[in-house]
Amino acid sequence: MTWRWRYENANGGEVNDRPLPREVFPSQADAESWLGENWRELLESGVERVALLEEERVEYAGLSLREE
Protein backbone atom coordinates (compact mmCIF):
# COMPACT_ATOMS: atom_id res chain seq x y z
CA MET A 1 0.00 0.00 0.00
CA THR A 2 1.12 3.53 -0.70
CA TRP A 3 0.05 6.86 0.73
CA ARG A 4 -0.10 10.26 -0.95
CA TRP A 5 -1.50 13.73 -0.48
CA ARG A 6 -4.18 15.25 -2.67
CA TYR A 7 -3.85 19.03 -2.78
CA GLU A 8 -7.05 21.09 -2.62
CA ASN A 9 -8.12 24.70 -2.98
CA ALA A 10 -10.35 26.47 -0.44
CA ASN A 11 -13.48 24.98 -2.06
CA GLY A 12 -12.17 21.42 -1.89
CA GLY A 13 -11.33 21.15 -5.59
CA GLU A 14 -8.11 19.42 -6.52
CA VAL A 15 -5.15 21.68 -7.30
CA ASN A 16 -3.39 20.16 -10.29
CA ASP A 17 -2.69 23.17 -12.50
CA ARG A 18 0.81 23.82 -11.16
CA PRO A 19 3.95 21.85 -10.37
CA LEU A 20 3.65 20.49 -6.85
CA PRO A 21 5.46 17.63 -5.11
CA ARG A 22 3.89 14.27 -5.95
CA GLU A 23 5.51 12.22 -3.22
CA VAL A 24 4.42 8.66 -2.48
CA PHE A 25 4.98 7.23 1.01
CA PRO A 26 5.17 3.69 2.38
CA SER A 27 3.17 4.55 5.52
CA GLN A 28 0.67 7.02 6.90
CA ALA A 29 3.22 8.18 9.48
CA ASP A 30 5.76 8.97 6.75
CA ALA A 31 3.18 10.98 4.80
CA GLU A 32 2.10 12.93 7.88
CA SER A 33 5.70 13.64 8.86
CA TRP A 34 6.45 14.95 5.35
CA LEU A 35 3.42 17.24 5.49
CA GLY A 36 4.56 18.57 8.86
CA GLU A 37 7.83 19.61 7.26
CA ASN A 38 6.39 21.00 3.99
CA TRP A 39 2.97 22.52 4.68
CA ARG A 40 4.22 26.13 4.56
CA GLU A 41 5.66 25.69 1.06
CA LEU A 42 2.44 24.07 -0.12
CA LEU A 43 0.39 26.96 1.29
CA GLU A 44 2.67 29.46 -0.47
CA SER A 45 2.08 27.52 -3.71
CA GLY A 46 -1.69 28.00 -3.45
CA VAL A 47 -2.71 24.80 -1.67
CA GLU A 48 -5.30 25.54 1.04
CA ARG A 49 -6.27 22.03 2.17
CA VAL A 50 -5.08 18.47 1.75
CA ALA A 51 -6.54 14.98 1.78
CA LEU A 52 -4.59 11.86 2.69
CA LEU A 53 -5.15 8.86 0.45
CA GLU A 54 -4.14 5.24 0.86
CA GLU A 55 -4.11 4.08 -2.75
CA GLU A 56 -7.50 5.57 -3.80
CA ARG A 57 -9.21 5.34 -0.40
CA VAL A 58 -9.52 8.67 1.44
CA GLU A 59 -8.23 8.37 5.00
CA TYR A 60 -9.20 11.95 5.78
CA ALA A 61 -9.92 15.10 3.78
CA GLY A 62 -10.31 18.84 4.23
CA LEU A 63 -7.27 19.34 6.45
CA SER A 64 -6.57 23.07 6.34
CA LEU A 65 -2.98 24.23 5.97
CA ARG A 66 -3.82 27.57 7.56
CA GLU A 67 -2.95 28.07 11.19
CA GLU A 68 -6.01 28.50 13.37
C-alpha atoms as a PDB file:
ATOM      1  CA  MET A   1       0.000   0.000   0.000  1.00  0.00           C
ATOM      2  CA  THR A   2       1.124   3.528  -0.700  1.00  0.00           C
ATOM      3  CA  TRP A   3       0.050   6.857   0.728  1.00  0.00           C
ATOM      4  CA  ARG A   4      -0.101  10.258  -0.955  1.00  0.00           C
ATOM      5  CA  TRP A   5      -1.498  13.728  -0.479  1.00  0.00           C
ATOM      6  CA  ARG A   6      -4.176  15.249  -2.670  1.00  0.00           C
ATOM      7  CA  TYR A   7      -3.854  19.034  -2.775  1.00  0.00           C
ATOM      8  CA  GLU A   8      -7.050  21.088  -2.622  1.00  0.00           C
ATOM      9  CA  ASN A   9      -8.125  24.696  -2.984  1.00  0.00           C
ATOM     10  CA  ALA A  10     -10.351  26.472  -0.442  1.00  0.00           C
ATOM     11  CA  ASN A  11     -13.475  24.977  -2.064  1.00  0.00           C
ATOM     12  CA  GLY A  12     -12.169  21.415  -1.889  1.00  0.00           C
ATOM     13  CA  GLY A  13     -11.329  21.154  -5.590  1.00  0.00           C
ATOM     14  CA  GLU A  14      -8.110  19.420  -6.524  1.00  0.00           C
ATOM     15  CA  VAL A  15      -5.155  21.684  -7.296  1.00  0.00           C
ATOM     16  CA  ASN A  16      -3.393  20.158 -10.293  1.00  0.00           C
ATOM     17  CA  ASP A  17      -2.693  23.168 -12.498  1.00  0.00           C
ATOM     18  CA  ARG A  18       0.812  23.822 -11.158  1.00  0.00           C
ATOM     19  CA  PRO A  19       3.946  21.849 -10.373  1.00  0.00           C
ATOM     20  CA  LEU A  20       3.652  20.490  -6.852  1.00  0.00           C
ATOM     21  CA  PRO A  21       5.461  17.632  -5.105  1.00  0.00           C
ATOM     22  CA  ARG A  22       3.891  14.275  -5.948  1.00  0.00           C
ATOM     23  CA  GLU A  23       5.513  12.224  -3.222  1.00  0.00           C
ATOM     24  CA  VAL A  24       4.421   8.661  -2.477  1.00  0.00           C
ATOM     25  CA  PHE A  25       4.978   7.229   1.012  1.00  0.00           C
ATOM     26  CA  PRO A  26       5.172   3.689   2.384  1.00  0.00           C
ATOM     27  CA  SER A  27       3.167   4.549   5.523  1.00  0.00           C
ATOM     28  CA  GLN A  28       0.667   7.021   6.905  1.00  0.00           C
ATOM     29  CA  ALA A  29       3.216   8.181   9.484  1.00  0.00           C
ATOM     30  CA  ASP A  30       5.759   8.975   6.752  1.00  0.00           C
ATOM     31  CA  ALA A  31       3.176  10.978   4.801  1.00  0.00           C
ATOM     32  CA  GLU A  32       2.102  12.929   7.878  1.00  0.00           C
ATOM     33  CA  SER A  33       5.702  13.636   8.856  1.00  0.00           C
ATOM     34  CA  TRP A  34       6.451  14.946   5.354  1.00  0.00           C
ATOM     35  CA  LEU A  35       3.423  17.240   5.492  1.00  0.00           C
ATOM     36  CA  GLY A  36       4.558  18.569   8.860  1.00  0.00           C
ATOM     37  CA  GLU A  37       7.831  19.609   7.257  1.00  0.00           C
ATOM     38  CA  ASN A  38       6.392  21.001   3.990  1.00  0.00           C
ATOM     39  CA  TRP A  39       2.971  22.523   4.677  1.00  0.00           C
ATOM     40  CA  ARG A  40       4.220  26.129   4.557  1.00  0.00           C
ATOM     41  CA  GLU A  41       5.662  25.695   1.065  1.00  0.00           C
ATOM     42  CA  LEU A  42       2.438  24.072  -0.122  1.00  0.00           C
ATOM     43  CA  LEU A  43       0.394  26.958   1.286  1.00  0.00           C
ATOM     44  CA  GLU A  44       2.671  29.462  -0.467  1.00  0.00           C
ATOM     45  CA  SER A  45       2.075  27.525  -3.714  1.00  0.00           C
ATOM     46  CA  GLY A  46      -1.692  28.003  -3.448  1.00  0.00           C
ATOM     47  CA  VAL A  47      -2.713  24.800  -1.668  1.00  0.00           C
ATOM     48  CA  GLU A  48      -5.298  25.538   1.037  1.00  0.00           C
ATOM     49  CA  ARG A  49      -6.271  22.035   2.169  1.00  0.00           C
ATOM     50  CA  VAL A  50      -5.084  18.474   1.755  1.00  0.00           C
ATOM     51  CA  ALA A  51      -6.545  14.979   1.776  1.00  0.00           C
ATOM     52  CA  LEU A  52      -4.587  11.860   2.692  1.00  0.00           C
ATOM     53  CA  LEU A  53      -5.150   8.862   0.446  1.00  0.00           C
ATOM     54  CA  GLU A  54      -4.141   5.238   0.857  1.00  0.00           C
ATOM     55  CA  GLU A  55      -4.108   4.078  -2.746  1.00  0.00           C
ATOM     56  CA  GLU A  56      -7.496   5.571  -3.804  1.00  0.00           C
ATOM     57  CA  ARG A  57      -9.210   5.341  -0.401  1.00  0.00           C
ATOM     58  CA  VAL A  58      -9.520   8.668   1.435  1.00  0.00           C
ATOM     59  CA  GLU A  59      -8.228   8.371   4.995  1.00  0.00           C
ATOM     60  CA  TYR A  60      -9.204  11.950   5.784  1.00  0.00           C
ATOM     61  CA  ALA A  61      -9.921  15.098   3.782  1.00  0.00           C
ATOM     62  CA  GLY A  62     -10.312  18.841   4.233  1.00  0.00           C
ATOM     63  CA  LEU A  63      -7.273  19.336   6.451  1.00  0.00           C
ATOM     64  CA  SER A  64      -6.565  23.072   6.345  1.00  0.00           C
ATOM     65  CA  LEU A  65      -2.976  24.231   5.974  1.00  0.00           C
ATOM     66  CA  ARG A  66      -3.817  27.573   7.560  1.00  0.00           C
ATOM     67  CA  GLU A  67      -2.949  28.071  11.189  1.00  0.00           C
ATOM     68  CA  GLU A  68      -6.007  28.499  13.370  1.00  0.00           C
END
